[in-house]
N, C-alpha and C. Protein backbone atom coordinates (compact mmCIF):
# COMPACT_ATOMS: atom_id res chain seq x y z
N MET A 1 0.75 -1.22 0.01
CA MET A 1 -0.04 0.04 -0.13
C MET A 1 0.98 1.26 -0.10
N ASN A 2 1.56 1.59 -1.09
CA ASN A 2 2.42 2.68 -1.21
C ASN A 2 1.61 3.80 -1.55
N ASP A 3 0.38 3.77 -2.02
CA ASP A 3 -0.48 4.82 -2.47
C ASP A 3 -0.76 5.72 -1.14
N PRO A 4 -0.59 7.06 -1.22
CA PRO A 4 -0.83 7.82 0.02
C PRO A 4 -2.33 7.89 0.34
N GLU A 5 -3.05 7.66 -0.60
CA GLU A 5 -4.52 7.57 -0.43
C GLU A 5 -5.17 6.27 -0.06
N SER A 6 -4.29 5.26 0.13
CA SER A 6 -4.73 3.87 0.62
C SER A 6 -5.06 3.87 2.07
N ARG A 7 -5.88 3.07 2.43
CA ARG A 7 -6.37 2.92 3.74
C ARG A 7 -6.50 1.46 4.08
N ALA A 8 -6.20 1.22 5.41
CA ALA A 8 -6.33 -0.26 5.89
C ALA A 8 -7.71 -0.47 6.00
N LEU A 9 -8.20 -1.85 5.83
CA LEU A 9 -9.50 -2.23 5.87
C LEU A 9 -9.48 -3.56 6.73
N SER A 10 -10.12 -3.69 7.84
CA SER A 10 -10.30 -4.95 8.62
C SER A 10 -11.59 -5.51 8.32
N VAL A 11 -11.44 -6.76 7.94
CA VAL A 11 -12.67 -7.50 7.42
C VAL A 11 -12.57 -8.96 8.17
N PRO A 12 -13.69 -9.36 8.92
CA PRO A 12 -13.55 -10.74 9.47
C PRO A 12 -13.80 -11.77 8.39
N VAL A 13 -13.09 -12.77 8.45
CA VAL A 13 -13.15 -13.95 7.48
C VAL A 13 -13.26 -15.24 8.32
N ASP A 14 -14.05 -16.22 7.69
CA ASP A 14 -14.12 -17.56 8.37
C ASP A 14 -12.69 -18.21 8.48
N ARG A 15 -12.39 -18.98 9.26
CA ARG A 15 -11.18 -19.71 9.48
C ARG A 15 -10.79 -20.37 8.30
N TRP A 16 -11.69 -21.12 7.62
CA TRP A 16 -11.39 -22.01 6.54
C TRP A 16 -10.95 -21.06 5.21
N LEU A 17 -11.61 -19.88 5.28
CA LEU A 17 -11.35 -18.97 4.01
C LEU A 17 -9.92 -18.38 4.27
N LEU A 18 -9.48 -18.13 5.61
CA LEU A 18 -8.27 -17.43 5.89
C LEU A 18 -7.25 -18.44 5.52
N GLU A 19 -7.36 -19.75 5.80
CA GLU A 19 -6.44 -20.82 5.49
C GLU A 19 -6.27 -21.07 4.12
N GLU A 20 -7.43 -20.91 3.33
CA GLU A 20 -7.25 -21.12 1.83
C GLU A 20 -6.55 -19.96 1.30
N LEU A 21 -6.81 -18.72 1.77
CA LEU A 21 -6.01 -17.44 1.33
C LEU A 21 -4.60 -17.73 1.57
N LYS A 22 -4.15 -18.26 2.70
CA LYS A 22 -2.76 -18.40 3.10
C LYS A 22 -1.98 -19.53 2.11
N VAL A 23 -2.77 -20.48 1.60
CA VAL A 23 -2.33 -21.47 0.83
C VAL A 23 -2.12 -20.89 -0.43
N ARG A 24 -3.12 -20.09 -1.01
CA ARG A 24 -3.04 -19.52 -2.36
C ARG A 24 -1.94 -18.39 -2.43
N ALA A 25 -1.79 -17.69 -1.13
CA ALA A 25 -0.77 -16.64 -1.32
C ALA A 25 0.59 -17.18 -1.23
N GLN A 26 0.67 -18.24 -0.51
CA GLN A 26 2.06 -19.00 -0.51
C GLN A 26 2.41 -19.59 -1.83
N ALA A 27 1.32 -20.02 -2.54
CA ALA A 27 1.56 -20.53 -3.92
C ALA A 27 2.13 -19.49 -4.95
N MET A 28 1.43 -18.25 -4.65
CA MET A 28 1.83 -17.22 -5.51
C MET A 28 2.87 -16.31 -5.03
N GLU A 29 3.44 -16.82 -3.88
CA GLU A 29 4.75 -16.05 -3.40
C GLU A 29 4.41 -14.71 -2.99
N CYS A 30 3.31 -14.40 -2.27
CA CYS A 30 2.94 -13.08 -1.81
C CYS A 30 2.33 -13.22 -0.47
N SER A 31 1.96 -12.02 0.11
CA SER A 31 1.23 -12.01 1.38
C SER A 31 -0.15 -12.25 1.28
N VAL A 32 -1.06 -12.60 2.23
CA VAL A 32 -2.31 -12.75 2.16
C VAL A 32 -2.96 -11.38 1.76
N GLU A 33 -2.35 -10.37 2.38
CA GLU A 33 -2.83 -8.94 2.10
C GLU A 33 -2.63 -8.57 0.75
N GLU A 34 -1.48 -8.84 -0.02
CA GLU A 34 -1.25 -8.65 -1.31
C GLU A 34 -2.17 -9.43 -2.27
N LEU A 35 -2.48 -10.71 -1.88
CA LEU A 35 -3.34 -11.43 -2.74
C LEU A 35 -4.84 -10.90 -2.71
N VAL A 36 -5.30 -10.62 -1.62
CA VAL A 36 -6.47 -10.00 -1.36
C VAL A 36 -6.68 -8.64 -2.04
N ALA A 37 -5.73 -7.66 -1.91
CA ALA A 37 -5.69 -6.36 -2.51
C ALA A 37 -5.78 -6.56 -4.02
N GLY A 38 -5.02 -7.84 -4.55
CA GLY A 38 -4.90 -7.81 -6.11
C GLY A 38 -6.15 -8.37 -6.44
N VAL A 39 -6.83 -9.22 -5.69
CA VAL A 39 -8.14 -9.82 -6.10
C VAL A 39 -9.27 -8.84 -6.26
N LEU A 40 -9.18 -7.84 -5.15
CA LEU A 40 -10.15 -6.64 -5.13
C LEU A 40 -9.94 -5.85 -6.28
N VAL A 41 -8.77 -5.47 -6.65
CA VAL A 41 -8.53 -4.59 -7.71
C VAL A 41 -8.92 -5.32 -8.90
N ALA A 42 -8.73 -6.47 -9.17
CA ALA A 42 -9.17 -7.34 -10.34
C ALA A 42 -10.64 -7.27 -10.44
N TYR A 43 -11.38 -7.45 -9.31
CA TYR A 43 -12.88 -7.65 -9.35
C TYR A 43 -13.55 -6.25 -9.73
N VAL A 44 -12.97 -5.10 -9.24
CA VAL A 44 -13.62 -3.76 -9.34
C VAL A 44 -13.19 -3.02 -10.76
N THR A 45 -12.00 -3.55 -11.35
CA THR A 45 -11.50 -3.00 -12.52
C THR A 45 -12.17 -3.56 -13.67
N PRO A 46 -12.58 -2.71 -14.62
CA PRO A 46 -13.13 -3.17 -15.84
C PRO A 46 -12.22 -3.87 -16.59
N PRO A 47 -12.56 -5.08 -17.34
CA PRO A 47 -11.63 -5.79 -18.06
C PRO A 47 -11.07 -4.86 -19.34
N ALA A 48 -9.73 -4.98 -19.55
CA ALA A 48 -9.20 -4.08 -20.54
C ALA A 48 -9.22 -4.97 -21.86
N LEU A 49 -9.42 -6.07 -21.76
CA LEU A 49 -9.64 -6.98 -22.93
C LEU A 49 -11.04 -7.61 -23.07
N THR A 50 -11.61 -7.37 -24.24
CA THR A 50 -12.72 -7.91 -24.58
C THR A 50 -12.45 -9.07 -25.67
N LEU A 51 -13.30 -9.99 -25.56
CA LEU A 51 -13.07 -11.16 -26.50
C LEU A 51 -14.37 -11.31 -27.35
N ASP A 52 -14.01 -11.65 -28.57
CA ASP A 52 -15.09 -11.98 -29.53
C ASP A 52 -15.33 -13.36 -29.34
N LEU A 53 -16.24 -13.78 -28.49
CA LEU A 53 -16.44 -15.20 -28.05
C LEU A 53 -16.85 -16.18 -29.16
N GLU A 54 -17.47 -15.64 -30.22
CA GLU A 54 -17.81 -16.43 -31.39
C GLU A 54 -16.61 -16.74 -32.04
N GLN A 55 -15.61 -15.96 -32.28
CA GLN A 55 -14.36 -16.13 -33.02
C GLN A 55 -13.55 -17.00 -32.21
N LEU A 56 -13.50 -16.81 -30.87
CA LEU A 56 -12.72 -17.64 -30.06
C LEU A 56 -13.19 -19.05 -30.02
N GLY A 57 -14.43 -19.32 -29.93
CA GLY A 57 -15.11 -20.57 -30.00
C GLY A 57 -14.80 -21.29 -31.40
N GLU A 58 -14.66 -20.57 -32.41
CA GLU A 58 -14.55 -21.14 -33.80
C GLU A 58 -13.14 -21.65 -33.89
N ALA A 59 -12.20 -20.60 -33.30
CA ALA A 59 -10.77 -21.16 -33.38
C ALA A 59 -10.60 -22.25 -32.51
N MET A 60 -11.17 -22.40 -31.27
CA MET A 60 -10.99 -23.47 -30.47
C MET A 60 -11.50 -24.84 -31.17
N LEU A 61 -12.64 -24.70 -31.84
CA LEU A 61 -13.11 -25.82 -32.45
C LEU A 61 -12.17 -26.33 -33.57
N GLU A 62 -11.73 -25.31 -34.39
CA GLU A 62 -10.72 -25.75 -35.43
C GLU A 62 -9.46 -26.33 -34.89
N ALA A 63 -8.98 -25.85 -33.73
CA ALA A 63 -7.80 -26.48 -33.24
C ALA A 63 -7.99 -27.88 -32.67
N ILE A 64 -9.29 -28.12 -32.10
CA ILE A 64 -9.60 -29.42 -31.50
C ILE A 64 -9.72 -30.41 -32.76
N GLN A 65 -10.46 -29.91 -33.87
CA GLN A 65 -10.65 -30.99 -34.96
C GLN A 65 -9.39 -31.20 -35.77
N ALA A 66 -8.50 -30.32 -35.73
CA ALA A 66 -7.25 -30.41 -36.60
C ALA A 66 -6.45 -31.69 -35.91
N PRO A 67 -6.04 -32.55 -36.91
CA PRO A 67 -5.25 -33.74 -36.46
C PRO A 67 -3.90 -33.39 -35.85
N GLN A 68 -3.64 -33.57 -34.60
CA GLN A 68 -2.35 -33.31 -34.03
C GLN A 68 -1.71 -34.50 -33.30
N GLU A 69 -0.41 -34.41 -33.29
CA GLU A 69 0.15 -35.40 -32.34
C GLU A 69 0.30 -34.68 -30.94
N HIS A 70 -0.14 -35.46 -29.92
CA HIS A 70 -0.07 -34.98 -28.46
C HIS A 70 0.96 -35.70 -27.81
N SER A 71 1.82 -35.02 -27.36
CA SER A 71 2.83 -35.70 -26.42
C SER A 71 2.56 -35.64 -25.05
N GLU A 72 3.12 -36.46 -24.17
CA GLU A 72 2.81 -36.38 -22.87
C GLU A 72 3.26 -34.98 -22.41
N LEU A 73 4.27 -34.34 -22.88
CA LEU A 73 4.75 -33.08 -22.42
C LEU A 73 3.72 -32.06 -22.67
N SER A 74 3.12 -31.92 -23.94
CA SER A 74 2.20 -30.98 -24.07
C SER A 74 0.92 -31.20 -23.36
N MET A 75 0.51 -32.37 -23.08
CA MET A 75 -0.76 -32.59 -22.25
C MET A 75 -0.32 -32.30 -20.83
N ALA A 76 0.89 -32.51 -20.21
CA ALA A 76 1.13 -32.07 -18.91
C ALA A 76 1.26 -30.50 -18.88
N ALA A 77 1.73 -29.92 -19.89
CA ALA A 77 1.71 -28.52 -19.80
C ALA A 77 0.22 -27.91 -19.96
N ALA A 78 -0.67 -28.54 -20.69
CA ALA A 78 -1.98 -28.00 -20.65
C ALA A 78 -2.66 -28.40 -19.25
N ALA A 79 -2.35 -29.44 -18.58
CA ALA A 79 -2.72 -29.72 -17.33
C ALA A 79 -2.31 -28.49 -16.35
N GLU A 80 -1.20 -28.32 -16.30
CA GLU A 80 -0.36 -27.29 -15.50
C GLU A 80 -1.06 -25.92 -15.70
N LEU A 81 -1.26 -25.63 -17.04
CA LEU A 81 -1.88 -24.38 -17.24
C LEU A 81 -3.25 -24.18 -16.65
N LEU A 82 -4.06 -25.31 -16.90
CA LEU A 82 -5.42 -25.36 -16.25
C LEU A 82 -5.27 -25.12 -14.80
N THR A 83 -4.49 -25.95 -14.21
CA THR A 83 -4.23 -25.72 -12.65
C THR A 83 -3.86 -24.35 -12.30
N ARG A 84 -3.10 -23.66 -12.87
CA ARG A 84 -2.56 -22.32 -12.52
C ARG A 84 -3.69 -21.39 -12.79
N LEU A 85 -4.60 -21.53 -13.86
CA LEU A 85 -5.69 -20.60 -14.27
C LEU A 85 -6.94 -20.71 -13.29
N GLN A 86 -6.95 -21.92 -12.77
CA GLN A 86 -8.18 -22.25 -11.85
C GLN A 86 -8.64 -21.21 -10.75
N PRO A 87 -7.58 -20.63 -10.13
CA PRO A 87 -8.03 -19.63 -9.13
C PRO A 87 -8.53 -18.36 -9.64
N PHE A 88 -8.24 -18.07 -11.00
CA PHE A 88 -8.63 -16.98 -11.54
C PHE A 88 -9.91 -16.99 -12.33
N LEU A 89 -10.48 -18.29 -12.55
CA LEU A 89 -11.62 -18.49 -13.18
C LEU A 89 -12.89 -18.06 -12.36
N PRO A 90 -13.94 -17.77 -12.89
CA PRO A 90 -15.17 -17.35 -12.12
C PRO A 90 -15.40 -18.63 -11.28
N HIS A 91 -16.08 -18.52 -10.08
CA HIS A 91 -16.22 -19.63 -9.32
C HIS A 91 -17.15 -20.91 -9.96
N ASP A 92 -18.09 -20.46 -10.83
CA ASP A 92 -18.94 -21.47 -11.56
C ASP A 92 -18.04 -22.25 -12.51
N SER A 93 -17.12 -21.43 -13.16
CA SER A 93 -16.28 -22.15 -14.22
C SER A 93 -15.16 -22.96 -13.61
N ALA A 94 -14.64 -22.59 -12.44
CA ALA A 94 -13.60 -23.15 -11.65
C ALA A 94 -14.41 -24.53 -11.02
N THR A 95 -15.49 -24.39 -10.61
CA THR A 95 -16.13 -25.56 -9.95
C THR A 95 -16.68 -26.55 -11.07
N ARG A 96 -17.02 -26.01 -12.16
CA ARG A 96 -17.46 -26.96 -13.27
C ARG A 96 -16.18 -27.64 -13.76
N ALA A 97 -15.02 -26.93 -13.89
CA ALA A 97 -13.86 -27.64 -14.28
C ALA A 97 -13.46 -28.66 -13.39
N LEU A 98 -13.66 -28.32 -12.19
CA LEU A 98 -13.31 -29.49 -11.02
C LEU A 98 -14.21 -30.56 -11.08
N LEU A 99 -15.52 -30.38 -11.01
CA LEU A 99 -16.46 -31.46 -10.81
C LEU A 99 -17.00 -31.94 -12.17
N GLY A 100 -17.03 -31.19 -13.10
CA GLY A 100 -17.66 -31.54 -14.44
C GLY A 100 -19.07 -31.25 -14.37
N ASP A 101 -19.67 -31.14 -15.74
CA ASP A 101 -21.04 -30.69 -15.78
C ASP A 101 -21.98 -31.59 -15.28
N GLU A 102 -21.84 -32.94 -15.38
CA GLU A 102 -22.86 -33.91 -14.96
C GLU A 102 -22.98 -33.99 -13.38
N LEU A 103 -21.87 -33.91 -12.61
CA LEU A 103 -21.85 -33.67 -11.18
C LEU A 103 -22.51 -32.30 -10.70
N ILE A 104 -22.09 -31.34 -11.25
CA ILE A 104 -22.58 -30.02 -11.06
C ILE A 104 -24.16 -30.12 -11.24
N GLU A 105 -24.64 -30.58 -12.16
CA GLU A 105 -26.18 -30.72 -12.56
C GLU A 105 -26.69 -31.39 -11.44
N GLN A 106 -26.12 -32.68 -11.01
CA GLN A 106 -26.70 -33.41 -9.92
C GLN A 106 -26.71 -32.82 -8.70
N LEU A 107 -25.57 -32.03 -8.52
CA LEU A 107 -25.76 -31.19 -7.09
C LEU A 107 -26.41 -30.07 -7.14
N THR A 108 -26.69 -29.32 -8.08
CA THR A 108 -27.37 -27.88 -8.12
C THR A 108 -28.53 -27.95 -8.97
N GLY A 109 -28.80 -28.98 -9.90
CA GLY A 109 -30.00 -28.91 -10.58
C GLY A 109 -29.77 -27.89 -11.81
N LEU A 110 -28.52 -27.48 -12.10
CA LEU A 110 -28.30 -26.48 -13.05
C LEU A 110 -27.57 -27.05 -14.31
N PRO A 111 -28.16 -27.39 -15.49
CA PRO A 111 -27.48 -27.99 -16.65
C PRO A 111 -26.51 -26.96 -17.18
N ALA A 112 -25.60 -27.43 -17.67
CA ALA A 112 -24.53 -26.51 -18.22
C ALA A 112 -24.93 -25.49 -19.18
N SER A 113 -25.87 -25.58 -19.91
CA SER A 113 -26.35 -24.65 -20.86
C SER A 113 -27.43 -23.81 -20.46
N ALA A 114 -27.95 -24.09 -19.37
CA ALA A 114 -28.98 -23.26 -18.66
C ALA A 114 -28.49 -21.93 -18.12
N PRO A 115 -29.44 -20.92 -18.13
CA PRO A 115 -29.16 -19.57 -17.57
C PRO A 115 -29.07 -19.89 -15.95
N THR A 116 -28.29 -19.27 -15.25
CA THR A 116 -28.23 -19.43 -13.82
C THR A 116 -29.31 -18.46 -13.16
N THR A 117 -30.22 -19.17 -12.35
CA THR A 117 -31.16 -18.40 -11.45
C THR A 117 -30.36 -18.21 -10.19
N GLY A 118 -31.30 -17.33 -9.48
CA GLY A 118 -30.68 -16.75 -8.10
C GLY A 118 -30.56 -18.05 -7.17
N GLU A 119 -31.52 -18.95 -7.18
CA GLU A 119 -31.46 -20.02 -6.39
C GLU A 119 -30.37 -21.07 -6.86
N ALA A 120 -30.30 -21.33 -8.21
CA ALA A 120 -29.21 -22.27 -8.46
C ALA A 120 -27.71 -21.53 -8.32
N ALA A 121 -27.64 -20.24 -8.49
CA ALA A 121 -26.36 -19.52 -8.13
C ALA A 121 -26.10 -19.70 -6.77
N ALA A 122 -27.00 -19.66 -5.87
CA ALA A 122 -26.77 -19.87 -4.38
C ALA A 122 -26.25 -21.21 -4.15
N ARG A 123 -26.87 -22.31 -4.80
CA ARG A 123 -26.48 -23.58 -4.64
C ARG A 123 -25.07 -23.84 -5.16
N LEU A 124 -24.79 -23.23 -6.39
CA LEU A 124 -23.51 -23.46 -6.90
C LEU A 124 -22.40 -22.79 -6.23
N ALA A 125 -22.70 -21.50 -5.64
CA ALA A 125 -21.75 -20.93 -4.63
C ALA A 125 -21.58 -21.72 -3.43
N ALA A 126 -22.38 -22.28 -2.78
CA ALA A 126 -22.34 -23.15 -1.70
C ALA A 126 -21.61 -24.45 -2.04
N VAL A 127 -21.87 -25.16 -3.18
CA VAL A 127 -20.98 -26.24 -3.61
C VAL A 127 -19.51 -25.77 -3.83
N THR A 128 -19.34 -24.64 -4.49
CA THR A 128 -17.92 -24.02 -4.58
C THR A 128 -17.29 -23.92 -3.36
N GLY A 129 -17.89 -23.36 -2.31
CA GLY A 129 -17.34 -23.18 -1.06
C GLY A 129 -16.80 -24.39 -0.35
N VAL A 130 -17.62 -25.57 -0.53
CA VAL A 130 -17.42 -26.79 0.09
C VAL A 130 -16.02 -27.30 -0.82
N CYS A 131 -16.07 -27.11 -2.19
CA CYS A 131 -15.01 -27.76 -2.93
C CYS A 131 -13.75 -26.97 -2.58
N GLN A 132 -13.80 -25.68 -2.41
CA GLN A 132 -12.51 -24.90 -1.92
C GLN A 132 -12.09 -25.30 -0.70
N LEU A 133 -12.86 -25.71 0.29
CA LEU A 133 -12.43 -26.15 1.54
C LEU A 133 -11.78 -27.50 1.39
N LEU A 134 -12.40 -28.30 0.43
CA LEU A 134 -11.87 -29.69 0.27
C LEU A 134 -10.50 -29.75 -0.49
N THR A 135 -10.42 -28.79 -1.29
CA THR A 135 -9.00 -28.78 -2.06
C THR A 135 -7.77 -28.54 -1.07
N GLY A 136 -8.08 -28.27 0.35
CA GLY A 136 -7.13 -27.96 1.21
C GLY A 136 -6.64 -29.16 1.72
N GLY A 137 -7.17 -30.46 1.48
CA GLY A 137 -6.92 -31.72 1.87
C GLY A 137 -6.99 -32.80 0.90
N TYR A 138 -7.56 -32.51 -0.12
CA TYR A 138 -7.83 -33.54 -1.15
C TYR A 138 -7.22 -33.14 -2.61
N SER A 139 -6.99 -34.21 -3.37
CA SER A 139 -6.71 -34.03 -4.79
C SER A 139 -7.91 -33.66 -5.53
N GLU A 140 -7.83 -33.23 -6.69
CA GLU A 140 -9.04 -32.83 -7.61
C GLU A 140 -9.77 -34.11 -7.70
N ALA A 141 -9.32 -35.21 -8.01
CA ALA A 141 -10.08 -36.46 -7.97
C ALA A 141 -10.66 -36.91 -6.70
N GLY A 142 -10.02 -36.48 -5.57
CA GLY A 142 -10.52 -36.85 -4.22
C GLY A 142 -11.75 -35.80 -4.09
N VAL A 143 -11.67 -34.69 -4.34
CA VAL A 143 -12.92 -33.69 -4.31
C VAL A 143 -14.03 -34.34 -4.99
N ARG A 144 -13.81 -34.84 -6.09
CA ARG A 144 -15.02 -35.33 -6.83
C ARG A 144 -15.45 -36.67 -6.30
N ARG A 145 -14.72 -37.27 -5.91
CA ARG A 145 -15.10 -38.79 -5.07
C ARG A 145 -15.81 -38.39 -3.72
N TRP A 146 -15.32 -37.35 -3.08
CA TRP A 146 -16.16 -36.90 -1.86
C TRP A 146 -17.51 -36.84 -2.05
N TRP A 147 -17.93 -36.24 -3.08
CA TRP A 147 -19.39 -35.90 -3.32
C TRP A 147 -20.15 -37.27 -3.57
N THR A 148 -19.61 -38.21 -4.04
CA THR A 148 -20.38 -39.47 -4.47
C THR A 148 -20.02 -40.75 -3.61
N ARG A 149 -19.01 -40.68 -2.92
CA ARG A 149 -18.65 -41.83 -2.04
C ARG A 149 -19.58 -41.76 -0.86
N ALA A 150 -20.21 -43.15 -0.63
CA ALA A 150 -21.01 -43.45 0.46
C ALA A 150 -20.08 -43.15 1.89
N ARG A 151 -20.73 -42.78 2.84
CA ARG A 151 -19.99 -42.35 4.05
C ARG A 151 -20.67 -42.89 5.29
N ARG A 152 -20.03 -43.39 6.21
CA ARG A 152 -20.51 -43.95 7.47
C ARG A 152 -21.16 -42.79 8.25
N GLN A 153 -20.53 -41.66 8.22
CA GLN A 153 -21.13 -40.46 9.02
C GLN A 153 -22.46 -39.96 8.50
N LEU A 154 -22.78 -40.56 7.21
CA LEU A 154 -24.07 -40.08 6.71
C LEU A 154 -25.00 -41.34 6.42
N ASN A 155 -24.79 -42.43 7.44
CA ASN A 155 -25.56 -43.56 7.47
C ASN A 155 -25.51 -44.26 6.03
N GLY A 156 -24.29 -44.29 5.62
CA GLY A 156 -24.20 -45.05 4.15
C GLY A 156 -24.53 -44.27 3.00
N ALA A 157 -25.14 -43.04 3.13
CA ALA A 157 -25.35 -42.12 1.93
C ALA A 157 -24.12 -41.31 1.47
N ALA A 158 -24.04 -41.11 0.17
CA ALA A 158 -23.02 -40.14 -0.28
C ALA A 158 -23.53 -38.71 -0.09
N PRO A 159 -22.59 -37.77 0.05
CA PRO A 159 -23.05 -36.50 0.21
C PRO A 159 -24.16 -35.90 -0.83
N LEU A 160 -23.79 -36.27 -2.07
CA LEU A 160 -24.80 -36.00 -3.18
C LEU A 160 -26.24 -36.45 -2.87
N ASP A 161 -26.27 -37.62 -2.27
CA ASP A 161 -27.60 -38.18 -1.88
C ASP A 161 -28.48 -37.34 -0.91
N LEU A 162 -27.77 -36.58 -0.07
CA LEU A 162 -28.55 -35.75 0.89
C LEU A 162 -29.08 -34.49 0.32
N LEU A 163 -28.72 -34.08 -0.91
CA LEU A 163 -29.22 -32.85 -1.39
C LEU A 163 -30.41 -33.03 -2.18
N THR A 164 -31.50 -32.73 -1.75
CA THR A 164 -32.73 -33.10 -2.58
C THR A 164 -33.10 -31.91 -3.54
N THR A 165 -33.98 -32.17 -4.35
CA THR A 165 -34.13 -31.10 -5.46
C THR A 165 -34.57 -29.79 -4.71
N GLY A 166 -34.08 -28.81 -5.16
CA GLY A 166 -34.35 -27.23 -4.77
C GLY A 166 -33.83 -27.00 -3.40
N TRP A 167 -32.72 -27.71 -2.90
CA TRP A 167 -32.05 -27.48 -1.55
C TRP A 167 -31.48 -26.06 -1.60
N THR A 168 -31.29 -25.45 -0.38
CA THR A 168 -30.58 -24.18 -0.23
C THR A 168 -29.44 -24.29 0.66
N PRO A 169 -28.54 -23.43 0.62
CA PRO A 169 -27.35 -23.49 1.49
C PRO A 169 -27.72 -23.31 3.06
N ASP A 170 -28.79 -22.96 3.36
CA ASP A 170 -29.33 -23.10 4.71
C ASP A 170 -30.04 -24.24 5.20
N ASP A 171 -30.18 -25.22 4.32
CA ASP A 171 -30.90 -26.46 4.68
C ASP A 171 -29.96 -27.27 5.58
N ALA A 172 -30.46 -27.96 6.45
CA ALA A 172 -29.72 -28.67 7.63
C ALA A 172 -28.85 -29.74 6.89
N ALA A 173 -29.33 -30.36 5.80
CA ALA A 173 -28.56 -31.32 5.09
C ALA A 173 -27.30 -30.67 4.48
N PHE A 174 -27.42 -29.56 3.92
CA PHE A 174 -26.02 -28.96 3.34
C PHE A 174 -25.19 -28.43 4.40
N ARG A 175 -25.79 -27.95 5.60
CA ARG A 175 -25.05 -27.56 6.70
C ARG A 175 -24.28 -28.74 7.20
N ARG A 176 -24.76 -29.95 7.34
CA ARG A 176 -24.28 -31.12 7.70
C ARG A 176 -23.18 -31.46 6.80
N LEU A 177 -23.20 -31.29 5.40
CA LEU A 177 -22.19 -31.57 4.51
C LEU A 177 -21.00 -30.71 4.69
N ARG A 178 -21.27 -29.43 4.73
CA ARG A 178 -20.21 -28.48 5.05
C ARG A 178 -19.36 -28.62 6.25
N THR A 179 -19.93 -29.12 7.47
CA THR A 179 -19.49 -29.62 8.68
C THR A 179 -18.51 -30.86 8.35
N LEU A 180 -19.11 -31.87 7.65
CA LEU A 180 -18.40 -33.00 7.34
C LEU A 180 -17.10 -32.75 6.41
N ALA A 181 -17.37 -31.79 5.62
CA ALA A 181 -16.15 -31.49 4.65
C ALA A 181 -15.09 -30.73 5.65
N ALA A 182 -15.38 -29.84 6.36
CA ALA A 182 -14.52 -29.24 7.40
C ALA A 182 -13.72 -30.30 8.30
N ALA A 183 -14.61 -31.17 8.71
CA ALA A 183 -13.91 -32.30 9.57
C ALA A 183 -12.89 -33.07 8.87
N ASP A 184 -13.37 -33.47 7.58
CA ASP A 184 -12.54 -34.38 6.61
C ASP A 184 -11.17 -33.69 6.44
N VAL A 185 -11.28 -32.45 6.12
CA VAL A 185 -9.95 -31.67 5.79
C VAL A 185 -9.15 -31.46 6.96
N GLU A 186 -9.85 -31.31 8.12
CA GLU A 186 -9.03 -31.16 9.39
C GLU A 186 -8.31 -32.42 9.77
N PHE A 187 -9.02 -33.68 9.55
CA PHE A 187 -8.52 -34.79 9.70
C PHE A 187 -7.42 -35.27 8.77
N SER A 188 -7.56 -34.87 7.50
CA SER A 188 -6.62 -35.16 6.37
C SER A 188 -5.27 -34.42 6.76
N ALA A 189 -5.40 -33.25 7.55
CA ALA A 189 -4.04 -32.43 7.68
C ALA A 189 -3.45 -32.96 8.95
N THR A 190 -3.96 -34.03 9.66
CA THR A 190 -3.40 -34.38 10.73
C THR A 190 -2.41 -35.69 10.48
């Protein structure tokens, strides 16, 4: 904060969020404060780049359809790029990339091509929060399995099974899943 006009801002955050911020800041080799300030600037600053999505889509389709030889190195580089970009994708995109469209639709009732309603957006944000929590203790595949694996703590049901059609983040079933996720991550850290 070298700007003489800058001011300090104290904001309470949940413990899991602070831990996630510390992990991401360490990965980006900066302080939590620098990370949060950068995210806030990126959030409120209008994008300097506009994309012609139709042209981009056509170029991507051509690239996919063109016969190419894929080496393990190029596939590894693509996976690394996706991993590095994930924190900067909008939550719904990052969560969809992590869980896949089918599991997202099962969890939220939101098909990939459907416009997001307020209720579905709330469910997607809640699922994203649990996924972000789980990434502190699980691999990406582990996070996906967490939603579908039968659990003794849930009387043999999978977390996905507890979320009935039209659930909300305030429902007891979802709060139970969030608590289970936090406990699982805490357990995996020991």
